[in-house]
Amino acid sequence: MPATKRAKTNDGAPSGGRGAALTSTTIDDLTALTTAQLYSLSSRRHRDESRESVRRAQEERDRAYVALEQSQRWLERANEHLERIEEGAREAHREYMDAKNLLVRVRQASSAAVEMMGGRAAAAAAADDGSSDDEAGMLGMAGRMSGSYAGGPGGKNRKIPFIQDIIIEAAKSGELSEGKSLEDIDTELVPRKDRSQFSNAMKLVGELWTEEEELFLRSTPDEITESLEELKVIAETIAVRCLTKLNEWEGRPDPTPTGHQKPSFISVGTRARRVFVSRKKDTNEEDV
């Protein structure tokens, strides 16, 4: 009886070892499947993160390219600006050297004029018979010419101002920097009744001053104030040149100004008027 019962028990139900084996396999399979799914999920996550990193890197690269192109454009503009600045500096240096050379030439011309006039003054004073029309007084040295005008207009013992005095005053006041012609400048040194001689004298100056001298005299008052010595030299050189050319046009053998000649605006204007009238007369005769 007990043995039969045991047999029935073994035949009617699965054994404990087989059931345990099936259960272990199922668990392993489930574990492997779960692990594979976890790996798959992790791989997809890493793949998505990698793709996102690549995308961000590409965006950073694109932004870097844009920044590089912009920097290159800025660099090109900076180089162009630098080139313009360097060219401006070279041009300013050339203008400075031209002005410096002009000053040297003006000083040399003034020194030469002073030497010629100083060497001939005594002999000319003895040889001249005093028949120099309305010219009286002493030209002397060019340095003395700058102090020719003593006393204001209307004074009892007023001296007639020299043309260099008028030029210096006009340059200092800035009238020439405004583009006015020499004949139109306003000056207190010239009375209204003498305006005709003044106009003729200034017309002569306009014919004889050089381009460099005109450029300097038409500078601003501030620039003139910084170069008063050059202003004086240039004005005196122009005055000597006016007397020299008048002597030449009047047919004198030696056109060098003598000690009895002076560059007052009345004397120069009167002589210049005769030259202009003679020139106009010759032109009319040629036309006929």
C-alpha atoms as a PDB file:
ATOM      1  CA  MET A   1       0.000   0.000   0.000  1.00  0.00           C
ATOM      2  CA  PRO A   2       2.585   2.647   0.826  1.00  0.00           C
ATOM      3  CA  ALA A   3       4.538   1.736  -2.243  1.00  0.00           C
ATOM      4  CA  THR A   4       1.529   2.117  -4.460  1.00  0.00           C
ATOM      5  CA  LYS A   5       0.801   5.479  -3.099  1.00  0.00           C
ATOM      6  CA  ARG A   6       4.325   6.619  -3.890  1.00  0.00           C
ATOM      7  CA  ALA A   7       3.987   5.371  -7.430  1.00  0.00           C
ATOM      8  CA  LYS A   8       0.791   7.230  -8.004  1.00  0.00           C
ATOM      9  CA  THR A   9       2.341  10.272  -6.675  1.00  0.00           C
ATOM     10  CA  ASN A  10       5.269  10.029  -9.123  1.00  0.00           C
ATOM     11  CA  ASP A  11       2.990   9.263 -12.088  1.00  0.00           C
ATOM     12  CA  GLY A  12       0.411  11.987 -11.465  1.00  0.00           C
ATOM     13  CA  ALA A  13       2.666  15.014 -11.014  1.00  0.00           C
ATOM     14  CA  PRO A  14       5.957  16.200 -12.551  1.00  0.00           C
ATOM     15  CA  SER A  15       9.065  15.633 -10.633  1.00  0.00           C
ATOM     16  CA  GLY A  16      10.604  18.447  -8.637  1.00  0.00           C
ATOM     17  CA  GLY A  17      13.944  18.426 -10.609  1.00  0.00           C
ATOM     18  CA  ARG A  18      12.336  18.903 -14.050  1.00  0.00           C
ATOM     19  CA  GLY A  19      10.142  21.786 -12.869  1.00  0.00           C
ATOM     20  CA  ALA A  20      13.107  23.451 -11.357  1.00  0.00           C
ATOM     21  CA  ALA A  21      15.042  23.134 -14.620  1.00  0.00           C
ATOM     22  CA  LEU A  22      12.268  24.745 -16.688  1.00  0.00           C
ATOM     23  CA  THR A  23      11.966  27.587 -14.272  1.00  0.00           C
ATOM     24  CA  SER A  24      15.712  28.338 -14.346  1.00  0.00           C
ATOM     25  CA  THR A  25      15.802  28.396 -18.161  1.00  0.00           C
ATOM     26  CA  THR A  26      12.904  30.770 -18.335  1.00  0.00           C
ATOM     27  CA  ILE A  27      14.504  33.096 -15.866  1.00  0.00           C
ATOM     28  CA  ASP A  28      17.798  33.047 -17.774  1.00  0.00           C
ATOM     29  CA  ASP A  29      16.023  33.767 -21.019  1.00  0.00           C
ATOM     30  CA  LEU A  30      14.107  36.602 -19.479  1.00  0.00           C
ATOM     31  CA  THR A  31      17.306  37.924 -17.954  1.00  0.00           C
ATOM     32  CA  ALA A  32      19.154  37.743 -21.268  1.00  0.00           C
ATOM     33  CA  LEU A  33      16.247  39.378 -23.077  1.00  0.00           C
ATOM     34  CA  THR A  34      16.065  42.133 -20.521  1.00  0.00           C
ATOM     35  CA  THR A  35      19.790  42.663 -20.670  1.00  0.00           C
ATOM     36  CA  ALA A  36      19.709  42.820 -24.470  1.00  0.00           C
ATOM     37  CA  GLN A  37      16.875  45.321 -24.367  1.00  0.00           C
ATOM     38  CA  LEU A  38      18.750  47.386 -21.834  1.00  0.00           C
ATOM     39  CA  TYR A  39      21.858  47.295 -24.018  1.00  0.00           C
ATOM     40  CA  SER A  40      19.758  48.236 -27.012  1.00  0.00           C
ATOM     41  CA  LEU A  41      18.202  51.148 -25.168  1.00  0.00           C
ATOM     42  CA  SER A  42      21.593  52.236 -23.894  1.00  0.00           C
ATOM     43  CA  SER A  43      23.089  51.961 -27.392  1.00  0.00           C
ATOM     44  CA  ARG A  44      20.256  54.001 -28.890  1.00  0.00           C
ATOM     45  CA  ARG A  45      20.689  56.590 -26.180  1.00  0.00           C
ATOM     46  CA  HIS A  46      24.440  56.791 -26.786  1.00  0.00           C
ATOM     47  CA  ARG A  47      23.809  56.911 -30.530  1.00  0.00           C
ATOM     48  CA  ASP A  48      21.337  59.771 -30.115  1.00  0.00           C
ATOM     49  CA  GLU A  49      23.746  61.571 -27.803  1.00  0.00           C
ATOM     50  CA  SER A  50      26.553  61.053 -30.315  1.00  0.00           C
ATOM     51  CA  ARG A  51      24.405  62.371 -33.149  1.00  0.00           C
ATOM     52  CA  GLU A  52      23.470  65.385 -31.026  1.00  0.00           C
ATOM     53  CA  SER A  53      27.150  65.960 -30.229  1.00  0.00           C
ATOM     54  CA  VAL A  54      27.992  65.723 -33.929  1.00  0.00           C
ATOM     55  CA  ARG A  55      25.195  68.155 -34.766  1.00  0.00           C
ATOM     56  CA  ARG A  56      26.404  70.614 -32.124  1.00  0.00           C
ATOM     57  CA  ALA A  57      29.973  70.238 -33.375  1.00  0.00           C
ATOM     58  CA  GLN A  58      28.837  70.947 -36.927  1.00  0.00           C
ATOM     59  CA  GLU A  59      26.953  74.029 -35.759  1.00  0.00           C
ATOM     60  CA  GLU A  60      30.013  75.205 -33.857  1.00  0.00           C
ATOM     61  CA  ARG A  61      32.111  74.581 -36.968  1.00  0.00           C
ATOM     62  CA  ASP A  62      29.665  76.598 -39.111  1.00  0.00           C
ATOM     63  CA  ARG A  63      29.677  79.428 -36.607  1.00  0.00           C
ATOM     64  CA  ALA A  64      33.468  79.299 -36.544  1.00  0.00           C
ATOM     65  CA  TYR A  65      33.553  79.506 -40.341  1.00  0.00           C
ATOM     66  CA  VAL A  66      31.208  82.516 -40.274  1.00  0.00           C
ATOM     67  CA  ALA A  67      33.288  84.175 -37.566  1.00  0.00           C
ATOM     68  CA  LEU A  68      36.448  83.446 -39.550  1.00  0.00           C
ATOM     69  CA  GLU A  69      34.998  84.983 -42.710  1.00  0.00           C
ATOM     70  CA  GLN A  70      33.855  88.040 -40.756  1.00  0.00           C
ATOM     71  CA  SER A  71      37.293  88.337 -39.143  1.00  0.00           C
ATOM     72  CA  GLN A  72      38.894  88.129 -42.568  1.00  0.00           C
ATOM     73  CA  ARG A  73      36.648  90.904 -43.851  1.00  0.00           C
ATOM     74  CA  TRP A  74      37.499  93.010 -40.794  1.00  0.00           C
ATOM     75  CA  LEU A  75      41.175  92.299 -41.362  1.00  0.00           C
ATOM     76  CA  GLU A  76      40.912  93.332 -45.017  1.00  0.00           C
ATOM     77  CA  ARG A  77      39.136  96.569 -44.070  1.00  0.00           C
ATOM     78  CA  ALA A  78      41.724  97.216 -41.353  1.00  0.00           C
ATOM     79  CA  ASN A  79      44.532  96.685 -43.862  1.00  0.00           C
ATOM     80  CA  GLU A  80      42.873  99.064 -46.328  1.00  0.00           C
ATOM     81  CA  HIS A  81      42.429 101.658 -43.585  1.00  0.00           C
ATOM     82  CA  LEU A  82      46.061 101.202 -42.551  1.00  0.00           C
ATOM     83  CA  GLU A  83      47.193 101.657 -46.150  1.00  0.00           C
ATOM     84  CA  ARG A  84      45.162 104.872 -46.409  1.00  0.00           C
ATOM     85  CA  ILE A  85      46.697 106.137 -43.173  1.00  0.00           C
ATOM     86  CA  GLU A  86      50.196 105.270 -44.378  1.00  0.00           C
ATOM     87  CA  GLU A  87      49.548 106.992 -47.713  1.00  0.00           C
ATOM     88  CA  GLY A  88      48.244 110.059 -45.862  1.00  0.00           C
ATOM     89  CA  ALA A  89      51.351 110.046 -43.693  1.00  0.00           C
ATOM     90  CA  ARG A  90      53.585 109.804 -46.770  1.00  0.00           C
ATOM     91  CA  GLU A  91      51.657 112.641 -48.451  1.00  0.00           C
ATOM     92  CA  ALA A  92      51.922 114.782 -45.313  1.00  0.00           C
ATOM     93  CA  HIS A  93      55.650 114.086 -45.180  1.00  0.00           C
ATOM     94  CA  ARG A  94      56.027 115.061 -48.835  1.00  0.00           C
ATOM     95  CA  GLU A  95      54.100 118.298 -48.218  1.00  0.00           C
ATOM     96  CA  TYR A  96      56.269 118.987 -45.173  1.00  0.00           C
ATOM     97  CA  MET A  97      59.436 118.456 -47.204  1.00  0.00           C
ATOM     98  CA  ASP A  98      58.080 120.657 -50.016  1.00  0.00           C
ATOM     99  CA  ALA A  99      57.273 123.413 -47.526  1.00  0.00           C
ATOM    100  CA  LYS A 100      60.691 123.013 -45.932  1.00  0.00           C
ATOM    101  CA  ASN A 101      62.434 123.225 -49.299  1.00  0.00           C
ATOM    102  CA  LEU A 102      60.290 126.243 -50.199  1.00  0.00           C
ATOM    103  CA  LEU A 103      61.351 127.968 -46.993  1.00  0.00           C
ATOM    104  CA  VAL A 104      64.988 127.224 -47.774  1.00  0.00           C
ATOM    105  CA  ARG A 105      64.629 128.635 -51.304  1.00  0.00           C
ATOM    106  CA  VAL A 106      62.829 131.736 -50.029  1.00  0.00           C
ATOM    107  CA  ARG A 107      65.500 132.361 -47.426  1.00  0.00           C
ATOM    108  CA  GLN A 108      68.230 131.871 -49.994  1.00  0.00           C
ATOM    109  CA  ALA A 109      66.522 134.286 -52.387  1.00  0.00           C
ATOM    110  CA  SER A 110      66.048 136.808 -49.595  1.00  0.00           C
ATOM    111  CA  SER A 111      69.683 136.499 -48.535  1.00  0.00           C
ATOM    112  CA  ALA A 112      70.813 136.956 -52.121  1.00  0.00           C
ATOM    113  CA  ALA A 113      68.601 140.020 -52.498  1.00  0.00           C
ATOM    114  CA  VAL A 114      69.917 141.471 -49.232  1.00  0.00           C
ATOM    115  CA  GLU A 115      73.518 140.940 -50.327  1.00  0.00           C
ATOM    116  CA  MET A 116      72.924 142.514 -53.730  1.00  0.00           C
ATOM    117  CA  MET A 117      71.068 145.472 -52.283  1.00  0.00           C
ATOM    118  CA  GLY A 118      73.552 146.002 -49.459  1.00  0.00           C
ATOM    119  CA  GLY A 119      76.529 145.866 -51.814  1.00  0.00           C
ATOM    120  CA  ARG A 120      75.080 148.354 -54.271  1.00  0.00           C
ATOM    121  CA  ALA A 121      73.377 150.774 -51.883  1.00  0.00           C
ATOM    122  CA  ALA A 122      76.287 153.171 -51.352  1.00  0.00           C
ATOM    123  CA  ALA A 123      77.409 153.231 -54.987  1.00  0.00           C
ATOM    124  CA  ALA A 124      73.859 153.609 -56.224  1.00  0.00           C
ATOM    125  CA  ALA A 125      73.216 156.494 -53.835  1.00  0.00           C
ATOM    126  CA  ALA A 126      76.258 158.347 -55.225  1.00  0.00           C
ATOM    127  CA  ALA A 127      75.585 157.522 -58.877  1.00  0.00           C
ATOM    128  CA  ASP A 128      71.837 158.150 -58.882  1.00  0.00           C
ATOM    129  CA  ASP A 129      71.039 161.741 -59.900  1.00  0.00           C
ATOM    130  CA  GLY A 130      67.757 161.715 -57.975  1.00  0.00           C
ATOM    131  CA  SER A 131      65.551 161.482 -61.078  1.00  0.00           C
ATOM    132  CA  SER A 132      63.685 158.334 -59.995  1.00  0.00           C
ATOM    133  CA  ASP A 133      60.221 159.871 -60.458  1.00  0.00           C
ATOM    134  CA  ASP A 134      58.188 159.661 -57.267  1.00  0.00           C
ATOM    135  CA  GLU A 135      60.635 157.349 -55.535  1.00  0.00           C
ATOM    136  CA  ALA A 136      62.320 158.888 -52.507  1.00  0.00           C
ATOM    137  CA  GLY A 137      63.723 157.483 -49.330  1.00  0.00           C
ATOM    138  CA  MET A 138      65.990 154.565 -48.736  1.00  0.00           C
ATOM    139  CA  LEU A 139      65.189 150.910 -49.396  1.00  0.00           C
ATOM    140  CA  GLY A 140      68.297 149.742 -47.601  1.00  0.00           C
ATOM    141  CA  MET A 141      68.368 146.262 -46.244  1.00  0.00           C
ATOM    142  CA  ALA A 142      65.355 143.993 -46.521  1.00  0.00           C
ATOM    143  CA  GLY A 143      65.283 143.772 -42.757  1.00  0.00           C
ATOM    144  CA  ARG A 144      64.756 147.529 -42.473  1.00  0.00           C
ATOM    145  CA  MET A 145      61.877 147.374 -44.928  1.00  0.00           C
ATOM    146  CA  SER A 146      59.683 145.509 -42.446  1.00  0.00           C
ATOM    147  CA  GLY A 147      59.719 148.507 -40.099  1.00  0.00           C
ATOM    148  CA  SER A 148      58.862 151.030 -42.761  1.00  0.00           C
ATOM    149  CA  TYR A 149      55.403 151.965 -41.509  1.00  0.00           C
ATOM    150  CA  ALA A 150      55.441 154.034 -38.338  1.00  0.00           C
ATOM    151  CA  GLY A 151      52.346 155.814 -37.273  1.00  0.00           C
ATOM    152  CA  GLY A 152      48.712 155.067 -37.965  1.00  0.00           C
ATOM    153  CA  PRO A 153      46.676 156.222 -40.898  1.00  0.00           C
ATOM    154  CA  GLY A 154      45.699 159.805 -40.461  1.00  0.00           C
ATOM    155  CA  GLY A 155      48.729 160.661 -38.340  1.00  0.00           C
ATOM    156  CA  LYS A 156      50.423 163.966 -38.983  1.00  0.00           C
ATOM    157  CA  ASN A 157      53.804 162.454 -39.871  1.00  0.00           C
ATOM    158  CA  ARG A 158      52.392 159.253 -41.325  1.00  0.00           C
ATOM    159  CA  LYS A 159      54.757 157.297 -43.524  1.00  0.00           C
ATOM    160  CA  ILE A 160      53.368 155.566 -46.554  1.00  0.00           C
ATOM    161  CA  PRO A 161      53.265 151.818 -45.870  1.00  0.00           C
ATOM    162  CA  PHE A 162      55.298 149.467 -48.007  1.00  0.00           C
ATOM    163  CA  ILE A 163      53.583 146.713 -49.939  1.00  0.00           C
ATOM    164  CA  GLN A 164      55.109 144.065 -47.660  1.00  0.00           C
ATOM    165  CA  ASP A 165      53.376 145.741 -44.703  1.00  0.00           C
ATOM    166  CA  ILE A 166      50.046 145.393 -46.490  1.00  0.00           C
ATOM    167  CA  ILE A 167      50.736 141.778 -47.458  1.00  0.00           C
ATOM    168  CA  ILE A 168      51.714 140.865 -43.887  1.00  0.00           C
ATOM    169  CA  GLU A 169      48.627 142.531 -42.418  1.00  0.00           C
ATOM    170  CA  ALA A 170      46.316 140.838 -44.940  1.00  0.00           C
ATOM    171  CA  ALA A 171      47.846 137.414 -44.253  1.00  0.00           C
ATOM    172  CA  LYS A 172      47.635 137.841 -40.471  1.00  0.00           C
ATOM    173  CA  SER A 173      44.005 138.983 -40.613  1.00  0.00           C
ATOM    174  CA  GLY A 174      43.018 135.975 -42.723  1.00  0.00           C
ATOM    175  CA  GLU A 175      41.627 137.981 -45.636  1.00  0.00           C
ATOM    176  CA  LEU A 176      43.779 136.124 -48.126  1.00  0.00           C
ATOM    177  CA  SER A 177      42.711 132.762 -46.669  1.00  0.00           C
ATOM    178  CA  GLU A 178      39.140 133.662 -47.605  1.00  0.00           C
ATOM    179  CA  GLY A 179      40.112 133.571 -51.284  1.00  0.00           C
ATOM    180  CA  LYS A 180      39.925 137.317 -51.904  1.00  0.00           C
ATOM    181  CA  SER A 181      41.993 138.834 -54.664  1.00  0.00           C
ATOM    182  CA  LEU A 182      44.743 141.158 -53.518  1.00  0.00           C
ATOM    183  CA  GLU A 183      42.984 144.163 -55.026  1.00  0.00           C
ATOM    184  CA  ASP A 184      39.827 143.527 -52.955  1.00  0.00           C
ATOM    185  CA  ILE A 185      41.352 143.156 -49.488  1.00  0.00           C
ATOM    186  CA  ASP A 186      40.393 145.680 -46.823  1.00  0.00           C
ATOM    187  CA  THR A 187      43.172 147.377 -44.912  1.00  0.00           C
ATOM    188  CA  GLU A 188      43.346 150.381 -42.620  1.00  0.00           C
ATOM    189  CA  LEU A 189      46.840 151.121 -43.907  1.00  0.00           C
ATOM    190  CA  VAL A 190      45.452 152.490 -47.182  1.00  0.00           C
ATOM    191  CA  PRO A 191      43.334 155.675 -47.220  1.00  0.00           C
ATOM    192  CA  ARG A 192      40.342 155.696 -49.515  1.00  0.00           C
ATOM    193  CA  LYS A 193      41.864 158.430 -51.691  1.00  0.00           C
ATOM    194  CA  ASP A 194      44.895 156.200 -52.452  1.00  0.00           C
ATOM    195  CA  ARG A 195      42.868 153.138 -53.376  1.00  0.00           C
ATOM    196  CA  SER A 196      43.761 153.416 -57.072  1.00  0.00           C
ATOM    197  CA  GLN A 197      47.505 153.177 -56.434  1.00  0.00           C
ATOM    198  CA  PHE A 198      46.848 150.371 -53.975  1.00  0.00           C
ATOM    199  CA  SER A 199      44.900 148.391 -56.589  1.00  0.00           C
ATOM    200  CA  ASN A 200      47.672 148.767 -59.177  1.00  0.00           C
ATOM    201  CA  ALA A 201      50.332 147.744 -56.652  1.00  0.00           C
ATOM    202  CA  MET A 202      48.366 144.654 -55.605  1.00  0.00           C
ATOM    203  CA  LYS A 203      47.692 143.777 -59.244  1.00  0.00           C
ATOM    204  CA  LEU A 204      51.444 143.782 -59.787  1.00  0.00           C
ATOM    205  CA  VAL A 205      51.976 141.579 -56.726  1.00  0.00           C
ATOM    206  CA  GLY A 206      49.363 139.160 -58.081  1.00  0.00           C
ATOM    207  CA  GLU A 207      51.372 138.886 -61.295  1.00  0.00           C
ATOM    208  CA  LEU A 208      54.728 138.341 -59.608  1.00  0.00           C
ATOM    209  CA  TRP A 209      54.182 136.160 -56.541  1.00  0.00           C
ATOM    210  CA  THR A 210      54.910 132.478 -57.053  1.00  0.00           C
ATOM    211  CA  GLU A 211      52.422 129.674 -56.578  1.00  0.00           C
ATOM    212  CA  GLU A 212      54.208 128.554 -53.406  1.00  0.00           C
ATOM    213  CA  GLU A 213      54.207 132.086 -51.987  1.00  0.00           C
ATOM    214  CA  GLU A 214      50.510 132.535 -52.724  1.00  0.00           C
ATOM    215  CA  LEU A 215      49.746 129.150 -51.139  1.00  0.00           C
ATOM    216  CA  PHE A 216      51.603 130.166 -47.989  1.00  0.00           C
ATOM    217  CA  LEU A 217      50.058 133.654 -47.777  1.00  0.00           C
ATOM    218  CA  ARG A 218      46.567 132.167 -48.157  1.00  0.00           C
ATOM    219  CA  SER A 219      47.061 129.957 -45.088  1.00  0.00           C
ATOM    220  CA  THR A 220      44.787 130.341 -42.060  1.00  0.00           C
ATOM    221  CA  PRO A 221      45.636 133.005 -39.440  1.00  0.00           C
ATOM    222  CA  ASP A 222      46.666 130.289 -36.971  1.00  0.00           C
ATOM    223  CA  GLU A 223      49.116 128.817 -39.478  1.00  0.00           C
ATOM    224  CA  ILE A 224      50.444 132.284 -40.305  1.00  0.00           C
ATOM    225  CA  THR A 225      50.942 133.060 -36.600  1.00  0.00           C
ATOM    226  CA  GLU A 226      53.107 129.957 -36.276  1.00  0.00           C
ATOM    227  CA  SER A 227      55.314 131.108 -39.188  1.00  0.00           C
ATOM    228  CA  LEU A 228      55.757 134.856 -38.738  1.00  0.00           C
ATOM    229  CA  GLU A 229      59.425 134.740 -39.702  1.00  0.00           C
ATOM    230  CA  GLU A 230      58.597 133.004 -42.989  1.00  0.00           C
ATOM    231  CA  LEU A 231      55.782 135.509 -43.578  1.00  0.00           C
ATOM    232  CA  LYS A 232      58.190 138.423 -43.191  1.00  0.00           C
ATOM    233  CA  VAL A 233      60.787 136.862 -45.505  1.00  0.00           C
ATOM    234  CA  ILE A 234      58.232 136.063 -48.212  1.00  0.00           C
ATOM    235  CA  ALA A 235      56.620 139.527 -48.092  1.00  0.00           C
ATOM    236  CA  GLU A 236      59.981 141.278 -48.327  1.00  0.00           C
ATOM    237  CA  THR A 237      61.061 138.992 -51.187  1.00  0.00           C
ATOM    238  CA  ILE A 238      57.903 139.886 -53.118  1.00  0.00           C
ATOM    239  CA  ALA A 239      58.556 143.591 -52.536  1.00  0.00           C
ATOM    240  CA  VAL A 240      62.105 143.308 -53.882  1.00  0.00           C
ATOM    241  CA  ARG A 241      60.852 141.318 -56.867  1.00  0.00           C
ATOM    242  CA  CYS A 242      58.278 144.034 -57.675  1.00  0.00           C
ATOM    243  CA  LEU A 243      60.955 146.741 -57.722  1.00  0.00           C
ATOM    244  CA  THR A 244      63.262 144.549 -59.800  1.00  0.00           C
ATOM    245  CA  LYS A 245      60.605 143.803 -62.417  1.00  0.00           C
ATOM    246  CA  LEU A 246      59.557 147.452 -62.619  1.00  0.00           C
ATOM    247  CA  ASN A 247      63.164 148.446 -63.237  1.00  0.00           C
ATOM    248  CA  GLU A 248      63.431 145.751 -65.899  1.00  0.00           C
ATOM    249  CA  TRP A 249      60.198 146.785 -67.628  1.00  0.00           C
ATOM    250  CA  GLU A 250      61.263 150.426 -67.552  1.00  0.00           C
ATOM    251  CA  GLY A 251      64.418 149.467 -69.445  1.00  0.00           C
ATOM    252  CA  ARG A 252      67.045 150.129 -66.780  1.00  0.00           C
ATOM    253  CA  PRO A 253      70.403 148.462 -67.560  1.00  0.00           C
ATOM    254  CA  ASP A 254      70.670 147.093 -64.044  1.00  0.00           C
ATOM    255  CA  PRO A 255      67.246 146.171 -62.654  1.00  0.00           C
ATOM    256  CA  THR A 256      68.580 145.686 -59.123  1.00  0.00           C
ATOM    257  CA  PRO A 257      66.718 148.064 -56.760  1.00  0.00           C
ATOM    258  CA  THR A 258      68.809 151.042 -55.689  1.00  0.00           C
ATOM    259  CA  GLY A 259      69.005 152.689 -52.319  1.00  0.00           C
ATOM    260  CA  HIS A 260      66.724 155.500 -53.482  1.00  0.00           C
ATOM    261  CA  GLN A 261      63.906 153.193 -54.432  1.00  0.00           C
ATOM    262  CA  LYS A 262      61.300 152.097 -51.934  1.00  0.00           C
ATOM    263  CA  PRO A 263      58.364 149.667 -52.271  1.00  0.00           C
ATOM    264  CA  SER A 264      55.653 151.952 -50.927  1.00  0.00           C
ATOM    265  CA  PHE A 265      52.274 151.033 -52.323  1.00  0.00           C
ATOM    266  CA  ILE A 266      51.884 154.520 -53.850  1.00  0.00           C
ATOM    267  CA  SER A 267      55.278 154.442 -55.587  1.00  0.00           C
ATOM    268  CA  VAL A 268      54.864 150.857 -56.788  1.00  0.00           C
ATOM    269  CA  GLY A 269      51.237 151.468 -57.763  1.00  0.00           C
ATOM    270  CA  THR A 270      52.068 154.579 -59.775  1.00  0.00           C
ATOM    271  CA  ARG A 271      54.895 152.879 -61.658  1.00  0.00           C
ATOM    272  CA  ALA A 272      52.807 149.745 -62.179  1.00  0.00           C
ATOM    273  CA  ARG A 273      49.979 151.839 -63.628  1.00  0.00           C
ATOM    274  CA  ARG A 274      52.326 153.241 -66.283  1.00  0.00           C
ATOM    275  CA  VAL A 275      53.401 149.704 -67.164  1.00  0.00           C
ATOM    276  CA  PHE A 276      49.793 148.487 -67.404  1.00  0.00           C
ATOM    277  CA  VAL A 277      48.759 151.480 -69.535  1.00  0.00           C
ATOM    278  CA  SER A 278      51.724 150.964 -71.881  1.00  0.00           C
ATOM    279  CA  ARG A 279      50.943 147.267 -72.090  1.00  0.00           C
ATOM    280  CA  LYS A 280      47.312 147.971 -72.936  1.00  0.00           C
ATOM    281  CA  LYS A 281      48.325 150.550 -75.546  1.00  0.00           C
ATOM    282  CA  ASP A 282      50.649 148.060 -77.235  1.00  0.00           C
ATOM    283  CA  THR A 283      47.856 145.463 -77.282  1.00  0.00           C
ATOM    284  CA  ASN A 284      45.438 147.919 -78.904  1.00  0.00           C
ATOM    285  CA  GLU A 285      47.991 148.846 -81.568  1.00  0.00           C
ATOM    286  CA  GLU A 286      48.553 145.167 -82.362  1.00  0.00           C
ATOM    287  CA  ASP A 287      44.806 144.652 -82.723  1.00  0.00           C
ATOM    288  CA  VAL A 288      44.584 147.549 -85.181  1.00  0.00           C
END
